[in-house]
Amino acid sequence: IAALLQALGIPDTYGADRQLEPQHEAAELVPVGLDVFGRAQRLAPAAAHAWKSMRDTAALDGIVLQLVSGFRDVDYQRRLIETKLARGLHIQKILASSAAPGFSEHHTGRAIDLTTPGCEPLEEVFERTAAFRWLQARSAEFGFRLSFPRNNPHGIVYEPWHWLHRP
């Protein structure tokens, strides 16, 4: 990972500076259907079961939860950052919204990004939806928690759409 970080212009102190632990890629993944972009998504088995239960329970309450993203491997995370660098974004700005490769919770297969119909994916406006209010009230019942609340110690922007399953 150190060589990958260096190649992207990310200091080798990134993890310590951001109070982020390295995240290992999931050893086992299961399909959980398509995301809002029509891409097949996978999660670790326990997270997949919890996600489906949470989604189905929300639906019974009249709330539609849609998957935006699930498992991402280290190489996918690298490509995300390279794409943003190619668009001219500075690495520090990129790291405010995307974890460095090797540090993303998505590597574990336990992180999900969510949206709901009528809400632009991966936007802070998600916090004003009934879906977000439902998640705040009920997600812990399924083992999920919001990873990056406002003013988090990791230097990551507020991400009301990003939820991590803690088995």
N, C-alpha and C. Protein backbone atom coordinates (compact mmCIF):
# COMPACT_ATOMS: atom_id res chain seq x y z
N ILE A 1 0.83 -1.20 0.00
CA ILE A 1 0.00 0.00 0.00
C ILE A 1 0.87 1.25 0.00
N ALA A 2 2.00 1.22 0.70
CA ALA A 2 2.86 2.40 0.79
C ALA A 2 3.28 2.90 -0.59
N ALA A 3 3.65 1.99 -1.49
CA ALA A 3 4.07 2.39 -2.83
C ALA A 3 2.90 2.98 -3.61
N LEU A 4 1.71 2.41 -3.42
CA LEU A 4 0.52 2.92 -4.09
C LEU A 4 0.20 4.33 -3.62
N LEU A 5 0.26 4.55 -2.32
CA LEU A 5 0.01 5.89 -1.78
C LEU A 5 1.02 6.88 -2.34
N GLN A 6 2.28 6.49 -2.34
CA GLN A 6 3.33 7.38 -2.86
C GLN A 6 3.09 7.73 -4.32
N ALA A 7 2.70 6.73 -5.11
CA ALA A 7 2.45 6.97 -6.54
C ALA A 7 1.32 7.96 -6.77
N LEU A 8 0.38 8.01 -5.83
CA LEU A 8 -0.76 8.93 -5.95
C LEU A 8 -0.49 10.28 -5.29
N GLY A 9 0.69 10.43 -4.68
CA GLY A 9 1.02 11.69 -4.01
C GLY A 9 0.40 11.81 -2.63
N ILE A 10 0.11 10.65 -2.01
CA ILE A 10 -0.50 10.63 -0.68
C ILE A 10 0.60 10.34 0.33
N PRO A 11 0.74 11.16 1.35
CA PRO A 11 1.81 10.94 2.34
C PRO A 11 1.67 9.58 3.02
N ASP A 12 2.80 8.97 3.36
CA ASP A 12 2.74 7.66 4.02
C ASP A 12 2.21 7.77 5.44
N THR A 13 2.02 8.98 5.93
CA THR A 13 1.44 9.21 7.26
C THR A 13 -0.08 9.37 7.19
N TYR A 14 -0.66 9.14 6.01
CA TYR A 14 -2.08 9.36 5.79
C TYR A 14 -2.95 8.72 6.87
N GLY A 15 -2.77 7.44 7.13
CA GLY A 15 -3.60 6.73 8.10
C GLY A 15 -3.51 7.35 9.48
N ALA A 16 -2.30 7.59 9.93
CA ALA A 16 -2.11 8.18 11.26
C ALA A 16 -2.66 9.60 11.30
N ASP A 17 -2.39 10.37 10.26
CA ASP A 17 -2.87 11.76 10.21
C ASP A 17 -4.40 11.83 10.25
N ARG A 18 -5.06 10.89 9.60
CA ARG A 18 -6.53 10.90 9.50
C ARG A 18 -7.22 10.02 10.54
N GLN A 19 -6.43 9.39 11.40
CA GLN A 19 -6.98 8.46 12.39
C GLN A 19 -7.81 7.37 11.70
N LEU A 20 -7.26 6.86 10.61
CA LEU A 20 -7.90 5.79 9.85
C LEU A 20 -7.02 4.55 9.87
N GLU A 21 -7.65 3.42 10.08
CA GLU A 21 -6.94 2.14 10.06
C GLU A 21 -6.96 1.57 8.64
N PRO A 22 -5.90 0.85 8.26
CA PRO A 22 -5.96 0.15 6.98
C PRO A 22 -7.15 -0.82 6.99
N GLN A 23 -7.78 -0.95 5.84
CA GLN A 23 -8.94 -1.83 5.69
C GLN A 23 -8.58 -2.96 4.73
N HIS A 24 -8.79 -4.18 5.15
CA HIS A 24 -8.46 -5.33 4.31
C HIS A 24 -9.65 -5.69 3.43
N GLU A 25 -9.33 -6.17 2.23
CA GLU A 25 -10.39 -6.57 1.31
C GLU A 25 -11.11 -7.80 1.85
N ALA A 26 -12.40 -7.82 1.65
CA ALA A 26 -13.23 -8.94 2.09
C ALA A 26 -12.76 -10.23 1.41
N ALA A 27 -12.73 -11.30 2.20
CA ALA A 27 -12.33 -12.61 1.66
C ALA A 27 -13.50 -13.30 0.96
N GLU A 28 -14.72 -12.99 1.40
CA GLU A 28 -15.91 -13.62 0.82
C GLU A 28 -16.94 -12.54 0.56
N LEU A 29 -17.52 -12.58 -0.63
CA LEU A 29 -18.54 -11.62 -1.03
C LEU A 29 -19.72 -12.36 -1.65
N VAL A 30 -20.90 -11.81 -1.46
CA VAL A 30 -22.11 -12.39 -2.08
C VAL A 30 -22.84 -11.29 -2.84
N PRO A 31 -23.54 -11.65 -3.91
CA PRO A 31 -24.28 -10.64 -4.68
C PRO A 31 -25.47 -10.10 -3.89
N VAL A 32 -25.72 -8.79 -4.06
CA VAL A 32 -26.86 -8.15 -3.39
C VAL A 32 -27.74 -7.39 -4.38
N GLY A 33 -27.57 -7.67 -5.66
CA GLY A 33 -28.39 -7.02 -6.67
C GLY A 33 -27.69 -5.85 -7.33
N LEU A 34 -28.47 -5.09 -8.08
CA LEU A 34 -27.93 -3.96 -8.83
C LEU A 34 -28.04 -2.68 -8.02
N ASP A 35 -27.10 -1.78 -8.26
CA ASP A 35 -27.18 -0.45 -7.64
C ASP A 35 -28.02 0.47 -8.53
N VAL A 36 -28.14 1.72 -8.15
CA VAL A 36 -28.97 2.67 -8.91
C VAL A 36 -28.43 2.95 -10.31
N PHE A 37 -27.19 2.55 -10.56
CA PHE A 37 -26.58 2.74 -11.89
C PHE A 37 -26.64 1.47 -12.73
N GLY A 38 -27.26 0.41 -12.18
CA GLY A 38 -27.37 -0.85 -12.90
C GLY A 38 -26.15 -1.74 -12.80
N ARG A 39 -25.25 -1.44 -11.88
CA ARG A 39 -24.04 -2.25 -11.69
C ARG A 39 -24.30 -3.31 -10.62
N ALA A 40 -23.81 -4.52 -10.85
CA ALA A 40 -23.94 -5.59 -9.86
C ALA A 40 -23.09 -5.23 -8.64
N GLN A 41 -23.67 -5.40 -7.45
CA GLN A 41 -22.97 -5.08 -6.21
C GLN A 41 -22.84 -6.33 -5.36
N ARG A 42 -21.78 -6.34 -4.53
CA ARG A 42 -21.52 -7.45 -3.63
C ARG A 42 -21.17 -6.89 -2.26
N LEU A 43 -21.47 -7.70 -1.24
CA LEU A 43 -21.13 -7.36 0.14
C LEU A 43 -20.65 -8.63 0.85
N ALA A 44 -20.00 -8.45 1.98
CA ALA A 44 -19.66 -9.58 2.83
C ALA A 44 -20.96 -10.23 3.28
N PRO A 45 -20.98 -11.54 3.50
CA PRO A 45 -22.25 -12.24 3.80
C PRO A 45 -23.08 -11.63 4.92
N ALA A 46 -22.48 -11.32 6.06
CA ALA A 46 -23.26 -10.77 7.18
C ALA A 46 -23.83 -9.39 6.82
N ALA A 47 -23.03 -8.57 6.15
CA ALA A 47 -23.49 -7.24 5.74
C ALA A 47 -24.59 -7.36 4.69
N ALA A 48 -24.46 -8.33 3.80
CA ALA A 48 -25.48 -8.54 2.76
C ALA A 48 -26.81 -8.92 3.41
N HIS A 49 -26.78 -9.82 4.35
CA HIS A 49 -28.00 -10.23 5.04
C HIS A 49 -28.62 -9.04 5.78
N ALA A 50 -27.78 -8.28 6.49
CA ALA A 50 -28.27 -7.12 7.24
C ALA A 50 -28.83 -6.05 6.30
N TRP A 51 -28.15 -5.81 5.17
CA TRP A 51 -28.62 -4.82 4.20
C TRP A 51 -30.00 -5.21 3.67
N LYS A 52 -30.15 -6.47 3.27
CA LYS A 52 -31.44 -6.90 2.72
C LYS A 52 -32.55 -6.80 3.76
N SER A 53 -32.25 -7.17 5.00
CA SER A 53 -33.24 -7.06 6.07
C SER A 53 -33.62 -5.61 6.32
N MET A 54 -32.61 -4.73 6.34
CA MET A 54 -32.87 -3.31 6.57
C MET A 54 -33.68 -2.72 5.43
N ARG A 55 -33.30 -3.02 4.20
CA ARG A 55 -34.02 -2.51 3.02
C ARG A 55 -35.48 -2.97 3.04
N ASP A 56 -35.69 -4.25 3.35
CA ASP A 56 -37.04 -4.80 3.35
C ASP A 56 -37.89 -4.22 4.48
N THR A 57 -37.29 -4.03 5.64
CA THR A 57 -38.01 -3.43 6.77
C THR A 57 -38.36 -1.98 6.47
N ALA A 58 -37.42 -1.26 5.87
CA ALA A 58 -37.69 0.13 5.49
C ALA A 58 -38.87 0.17 4.51
N ALA A 59 -38.89 -0.74 3.55
CA ALA A 59 -39.97 -0.78 2.57
C ALA A 59 -41.32 -0.99 3.25
N LEU A 60 -41.35 -1.83 4.28
CA LEU A 60 -42.60 -2.04 5.03
C LEU A 60 -43.06 -0.75 5.71
N ASP A 61 -42.10 0.12 6.02
CA ASP A 61 -42.40 1.41 6.63
C ASP A 61 -42.61 2.51 5.58
N GLY A 62 -42.64 2.13 4.31
CA GLY A 62 -42.86 3.10 3.23
C GLY A 62 -41.62 3.86 2.81
N ILE A 63 -40.45 3.36 3.17
CA ILE A 63 -39.18 4.01 2.84
C ILE A 63 -38.43 3.18 1.81
N VAL A 64 -38.00 3.81 0.72
CA VAL A 64 -37.23 3.12 -0.31
C VAL A 64 -35.76 3.46 -0.13
N LEU A 65 -34.97 2.44 0.20
CA LEU A 65 -33.51 2.58 0.28
C LEU A 65 -32.91 1.96 -0.97
N GLN A 66 -32.05 2.70 -1.64
CA GLN A 66 -31.41 2.22 -2.86
C GLN A 66 -29.90 2.20 -2.67
N LEU A 67 -29.28 1.15 -3.14
CA LEU A 67 -27.84 0.99 -3.05
C LEU A 67 -27.15 1.81 -4.14
N VAL A 68 -26.15 2.57 -3.75
CA VAL A 68 -25.33 3.32 -4.69
C VAL A 68 -24.00 2.62 -4.88
N SER A 69 -23.48 2.03 -3.81
CA SER A 69 -22.17 1.39 -3.87
C SER A 69 -22.04 0.41 -2.72
N GLY A 70 -21.34 -0.67 -2.98
CA GLY A 70 -21.02 -1.66 -1.95
C GLY A 70 -19.52 -1.90 -1.93
N PHE A 71 -19.12 -3.14 -2.11
CA PHE A 71 -17.70 -3.50 -2.09
C PHE A 71 -16.93 -2.80 -3.20
N ARG A 72 -15.77 -2.27 -2.85
CA ARG A 72 -14.81 -1.74 -3.82
C ARG A 72 -13.44 -2.25 -3.43
N ASP A 73 -12.72 -2.81 -4.37
CA ASP A 73 -11.38 -3.28 -4.05
C ASP A 73 -10.38 -2.11 -4.09
N VAL A 74 -9.16 -2.39 -3.67
CA VAL A 74 -8.13 -1.36 -3.59
C VAL A 74 -7.87 -0.76 -4.97
N ASP A 75 -7.85 -1.60 -6.00
CA ASP A 75 -7.58 -1.10 -7.35
C ASP A 75 -8.68 -0.16 -7.83
N TYR A 76 -9.93 -0.48 -7.52
CA TYR A 76 -11.04 0.40 -7.89
C TYR A 76 -10.87 1.76 -7.20
N GLN A 77 -10.50 1.73 -5.93
CA GLN A 77 -10.30 2.98 -5.18
C GLN A 77 -9.16 3.80 -5.80
N ARG A 78 -8.10 3.11 -6.22
CA ARG A 78 -6.98 3.79 -6.89
C ARG A 78 -7.48 4.48 -8.16
N ARG A 79 -8.27 3.76 -8.95
CA ARG A 79 -8.77 4.34 -10.20
C ARG A 79 -9.68 5.54 -9.94
N LEU A 80 -10.49 5.49 -8.88
CA LEU A 80 -11.33 6.64 -8.53
C LEU A 80 -10.46 7.88 -8.30
N ILE A 81 -9.41 7.70 -7.55
CA ILE A 81 -8.53 8.83 -7.23
C ILE A 81 -7.78 9.30 -8.47
N GLU A 82 -7.30 8.37 -9.28
CA GLU A 82 -6.60 8.76 -10.51
C GLU A 82 -7.51 9.54 -11.45
N THR A 83 -8.77 9.15 -11.52
CA THR A 83 -9.74 9.86 -12.37
C THR A 83 -9.91 11.29 -11.89
N LYS A 84 -10.01 11.47 -10.58
CA LYS A 84 -10.17 12.82 -10.03
C LYS A 84 -8.90 13.64 -10.22
N LEU A 85 -7.74 13.01 -10.07
CA LEU A 85 -6.48 13.72 -10.32
C LEU A 85 -6.40 14.16 -11.78
N ALA A 86 -6.83 13.29 -12.69
CA ALA A 86 -6.80 13.60 -14.13
C ALA A 86 -7.72 14.77 -14.46
N ARG A 87 -8.77 14.95 -13.65
CA ARG A 87 -9.68 16.09 -13.86
C ARG A 87 -9.12 17.38 -13.27
N GLY A 88 -7.93 17.29 -12.65
CA GLY A 88 -7.28 18.48 -12.13
C GLY A 88 -7.53 18.77 -10.66
N LEU A 89 -8.21 17.86 -9.96
CA LEU A 89 -8.44 18.08 -8.53
C LEU A 89 -7.15 17.84 -7.74
N HIS A 90 -6.96 18.61 -6.70
CA HIS A 90 -5.79 18.45 -5.82
C HIS A 90 -6.01 17.26 -4.90
N ILE A 91 -4.96 16.54 -4.60
CA ILE A 91 -5.07 15.32 -3.80
C ILE A 91 -5.72 15.57 -2.44
N GLN A 92 -5.46 16.69 -1.81
CA GLN A 92 -6.07 16.96 -0.50
C GLN A 92 -7.58 17.13 -0.61
N LYS A 93 -8.04 17.75 -1.69
CA LYS A 93 -9.49 17.88 -1.91
C LYS A 93 -10.10 16.50 -2.17
N ILE A 94 -9.42 15.69 -2.94
CA ILE A 94 -9.91 14.33 -3.23
C ILE A 94 -10.03 13.53 -1.94
N LEU A 95 -9.02 13.63 -1.08
CA LEU A 95 -9.01 12.84 0.15
C LEU A 95 -10.02 13.32 1.18
N ALA A 96 -10.63 14.46 0.93
CA ALA A 96 -11.70 14.93 1.82
C ALA A 96 -13.01 14.21 1.52
N SER A 97 -13.09 13.59 0.34
CA SER A 97 -14.33 12.89 -0.01
C SER A 97 -14.12 11.43 -0.40
N SER A 98 -12.89 11.02 -0.56
CA SER A 98 -12.59 9.63 -0.91
C SER A 98 -11.41 9.16 -0.08
N ALA A 99 -11.58 8.04 0.61
CA ALA A 99 -10.47 7.49 1.39
C ALA A 99 -9.39 6.99 0.44
N ALA A 100 -8.18 7.03 0.91
CA ALA A 100 -7.06 6.52 0.12
C ALA A 100 -7.20 5.01 -0.08
N PRO A 101 -6.67 4.50 -1.19
CA PRO A 101 -6.70 3.06 -1.39
C PRO A 101 -6.04 2.35 -0.20
N GLY A 102 -6.70 1.29 0.25
CA GLY A 102 -6.22 0.57 1.42
C GLY A 102 -6.87 1.03 2.71
N PHE A 103 -7.59 2.17 2.67
CA PHE A 103 -8.21 2.73 3.87
C PHE A 103 -9.72 2.87 3.75
N SER A 104 -10.29 2.51 2.62
CA SER A 104 -11.73 2.65 2.42
C SER A 104 -12.49 1.53 3.11
N GLU A 105 -13.54 1.90 3.82
CA GLU A 105 -14.41 0.89 4.44
C GLU A 105 -15.07 0.00 3.39
N HIS A 106 -15.18 0.49 2.17
CA HIS A 106 -15.77 -0.31 1.10
C HIS A 106 -14.95 -1.56 0.81
N HIS A 107 -13.65 -1.54 1.10
CA HIS A 107 -12.81 -2.72 0.88
C HIS A 107 -13.29 -3.91 1.70
N THR A 108 -13.88 -3.65 2.84
CA THR A 108 -14.28 -4.72 3.77
C THR A 108 -15.53 -5.47 3.31
N GLY A 109 -16.27 -4.87 2.38
CA GLY A 109 -17.54 -5.47 1.97
C GLY A 109 -18.65 -5.22 2.98
N ARG A 110 -18.38 -4.33 3.94
CA ARG A 110 -19.38 -4.03 4.98
C ARG A 110 -19.92 -2.61 4.87
N ALA A 111 -19.44 -1.82 3.93
CA ALA A 111 -19.88 -0.43 3.77
C ALA A 111 -20.84 -0.32 2.60
N ILE A 112 -21.87 0.49 2.79
CA ILE A 112 -22.83 0.76 1.72
C ILE A 112 -23.05 2.26 1.62
N ASP A 113 -23.20 2.71 0.39
CA ASP A 113 -23.64 4.06 0.12
C ASP A 113 -25.08 3.95 -0.35
N LEU A 114 -25.94 4.80 0.20
CA LEU A 114 -27.38 4.70 -0.07
C LEU A 114 -27.95 5.99 -0.62
N THR A 115 -29.07 5.86 -1.28
CA THR A 115 -29.87 6.99 -1.70
C THR A 115 -31.33 6.56 -1.66
N THR A 116 -32.19 7.43 -2.14
CA THR A 116 -33.62 7.16 -2.22
C THR A 116 -34.15 7.86 -3.48
N PRO A 117 -35.25 7.40 -4.04
CA PRO A 117 -35.76 8.03 -5.26
C PRO A 117 -35.93 9.54 -5.10
N GLY A 118 -35.54 10.27 -6.14
CA GLY A 118 -35.66 11.72 -6.14
C GLY A 118 -34.49 12.44 -5.50
N CYS A 119 -33.50 11.69 -5.03
CA CYS A 119 -32.33 12.29 -4.38
C CYS A 119 -31.08 11.95 -5.19
N GLU A 120 -30.33 12.96 -5.53
CA GLU A 120 -29.08 12.75 -6.27
C GLU A 120 -28.13 11.93 -5.39
N PRO A 121 -27.60 10.81 -5.91
CA PRO A 121 -26.69 9.99 -5.11
C PRO A 121 -25.44 10.74 -4.66
N LEU A 122 -24.98 10.39 -3.47
CA LEU A 122 -23.73 10.90 -2.90
C LEU A 122 -23.73 12.41 -2.71
N GLU A 123 -24.87 12.93 -2.33
CA GLU A 123 -24.99 14.36 -2.07
C GLU A 123 -25.52 14.57 -0.66
N GLU A 124 -25.07 15.64 -0.02
CA GLU A 124 -25.45 15.93 1.36
C GLU A 124 -26.96 16.11 1.52
N VAL A 125 -27.64 16.47 0.46
CA VAL A 125 -29.09 16.67 0.51
C VAL A 125 -29.81 15.40 0.98
N PHE A 126 -29.15 14.26 0.90
CA PHE A 126 -29.74 13.00 1.38
C PHE A 126 -30.19 13.13 2.84
N GLU A 127 -29.51 13.97 3.61
CA GLU A 127 -29.86 14.12 5.03
C GLU A 127 -31.25 14.71 5.23
N ARG A 128 -31.81 15.31 4.19
CA ARG A 128 -33.14 15.93 4.32
C ARG A 128 -34.26 15.00 3.88
N THR A 129 -33.92 13.72 3.65
CA THR A 129 -34.93 12.78 3.18
C THR A 129 -35.52 11.95 4.33
N ALA A 130 -36.70 11.42 4.07
CA ALA A 130 -37.31 10.50 5.03
C ALA A 130 -36.46 9.24 5.18
N ALA A 131 -35.76 8.86 4.11
CA ALA A 131 -34.89 7.69 4.16
C ALA A 131 -33.78 7.90 5.18
N PHE A 132 -33.17 9.07 5.18
CA PHE A 132 -32.09 9.34 6.15
C PHE A 132 -32.64 9.36 7.57
N ARG A 133 -33.79 9.99 7.75
CA ARG A 133 -34.39 10.01 9.09
C ARG A 133 -34.68 8.59 9.57
N TRP A 134 -35.16 7.74 8.66
CA TRP A 134 -35.42 6.36 9.01
C TRP A 134 -34.11 5.66 9.40
N LEU A 135 -33.07 5.87 8.62
CA LEU A 135 -31.77 5.26 8.92
C LEU A 135 -31.25 5.71 10.29
N GLN A 136 -31.39 6.99 10.58
CA GLN A 136 -30.95 7.48 11.89
C GLN A 136 -31.67 6.76 13.02
N ALA A 137 -32.95 6.52 12.82
CA ALA A 137 -33.77 5.91 13.87
C ALA A 137 -33.62 4.39 13.94
N ARG A 138 -33.38 3.74 12.80
CA ARG A 138 -33.51 2.27 12.77
C ARG A 138 -32.26 1.51 12.34
N SER A 139 -31.27 2.15 11.73
CA SER A 139 -30.13 1.40 11.16
C SER A 139 -29.37 0.58 12.19
N ALA A 140 -29.27 1.05 13.42
CA ALA A 140 -28.53 0.31 14.46
C ALA A 140 -29.16 -1.05 14.73
N GLU A 141 -30.47 -1.18 14.53
CA GLU A 141 -31.13 -2.46 14.72
C GLU A 141 -30.58 -3.53 13.78
N PHE A 142 -30.00 -3.09 12.68
CA PHE A 142 -29.46 -4.00 11.67
C PHE A 142 -27.93 -4.01 11.68
N GLY A 143 -27.33 -3.31 12.64
CA GLY A 143 -25.88 -3.30 12.78
C GLY A 143 -25.17 -2.25 11.97
N PHE A 144 -25.91 -1.28 11.42
CA PHE A 144 -25.29 -0.23 10.61
C PHE A 144 -25.15 1.06 11.42
N ARG A 145 -24.08 1.80 11.10
CA ARG A 145 -23.88 3.11 11.70
C ARG A 145 -23.32 4.06 10.65
N LEU A 146 -23.59 5.34 10.84
CA LEU A 146 -23.06 6.38 9.97
C LEU A 146 -21.57 6.52 10.24
N SER A 147 -20.74 6.39 9.22
CA SER A 147 -19.29 6.41 9.41
C SER A 147 -18.70 7.81 9.52
N PHE A 148 -19.24 8.74 8.74
CA PHE A 148 -18.62 10.05 8.65
C PHE A 148 -19.62 11.16 8.95
N PRO A 149 -19.95 11.32 10.24
CA PRO A 149 -20.85 12.42 10.61
C PRO A 149 -20.14 13.77 10.44
N ARG A 150 -20.87 14.82 10.66
CA ARG A 150 -20.26 16.16 10.61
C ARG A 150 -19.11 16.24 11.61
N ASN A 151 -18.08 16.96 11.22
CA ASN A 151 -16.93 17.22 12.08
C ASN A 151 -16.27 15.95 12.60
N ASN A 152 -16.22 14.91 11.78
CA ASN A 152 -15.57 13.67 12.19
C ASN A 152 -14.05 13.89 12.25
N PRO A 153 -13.34 13.08 13.01
CA PRO A 153 -11.90 13.29 13.19
C PRO A 153 -11.04 12.82 12.02
N HIS A 154 -11.66 12.31 10.96
CA HIS A 154 -10.91 11.71 9.86
C HIS A 154 -10.63 12.66 8.70
N GLY A 155 -11.16 13.87 8.76
CA GLY A 155 -10.96 14.80 7.66
C GLY A 155 -11.77 14.43 6.43
N ILE A 156 -12.79 13.60 6.62
CA ILE A 156 -13.68 13.21 5.53
C ILE A 156 -14.94 14.08 5.64
N VAL A 157 -15.41 14.57 4.50
CA VAL A 157 -16.62 15.39 4.51
C VAL A 157 -17.78 14.59 5.08
N TYR A 158 -18.77 15.29 5.56
CA TYR A 158 -20.00 14.68 6.06
C TYR A 158 -20.62 13.84 4.95
N GLU A 159 -20.85 12.56 5.22
CA GLU A 159 -21.41 11.64 4.23
C GLU A 159 -22.67 10.97 4.81
N PRO A 160 -23.81 11.63 4.72
CA PRO A 160 -25.02 11.03 5.27
C PRO A 160 -25.44 9.74 4.55
N TRP A 161 -24.86 9.47 3.41
CA TRP A 161 -25.20 8.29 2.61
C TRP A 161 -24.34 7.06 2.94
N HIS A 162 -23.27 7.21 3.70
CA HIS A 162 -22.29 6.13 3.90
C HIS A 162 -22.50 5.44 5.25
N TRP A 163 -22.82 4.15 5.21
CA TRP A 163 -23.15 3.38 6.42
C TRP A 163 -22.31 2.12 6.47
N LEU A 164 -21.80 1.81 7.65
CA LEU A 164 -20.94 0.64 7.84
C LEU A 164 -21.64 -0.38 8.73
N HIS A 165 -21.59 -1.63 8.31
CA HIS A 165 -22.15 -2.72 9.10
C HIS A 165 -21.09 -3.20 10.09
N ARG A 166 -21.47 -3.24 11.34
CA ARG A 166 -20.61 -3.73 12.42
C ARG A 166 -21.25 -5.01 12.96
N PRO A 167 -20.73 -6.18 12.55
CA PRO A 167 -21.38 -7.43 13.00
C PRO A 167 -21.30 -7.63 14.52
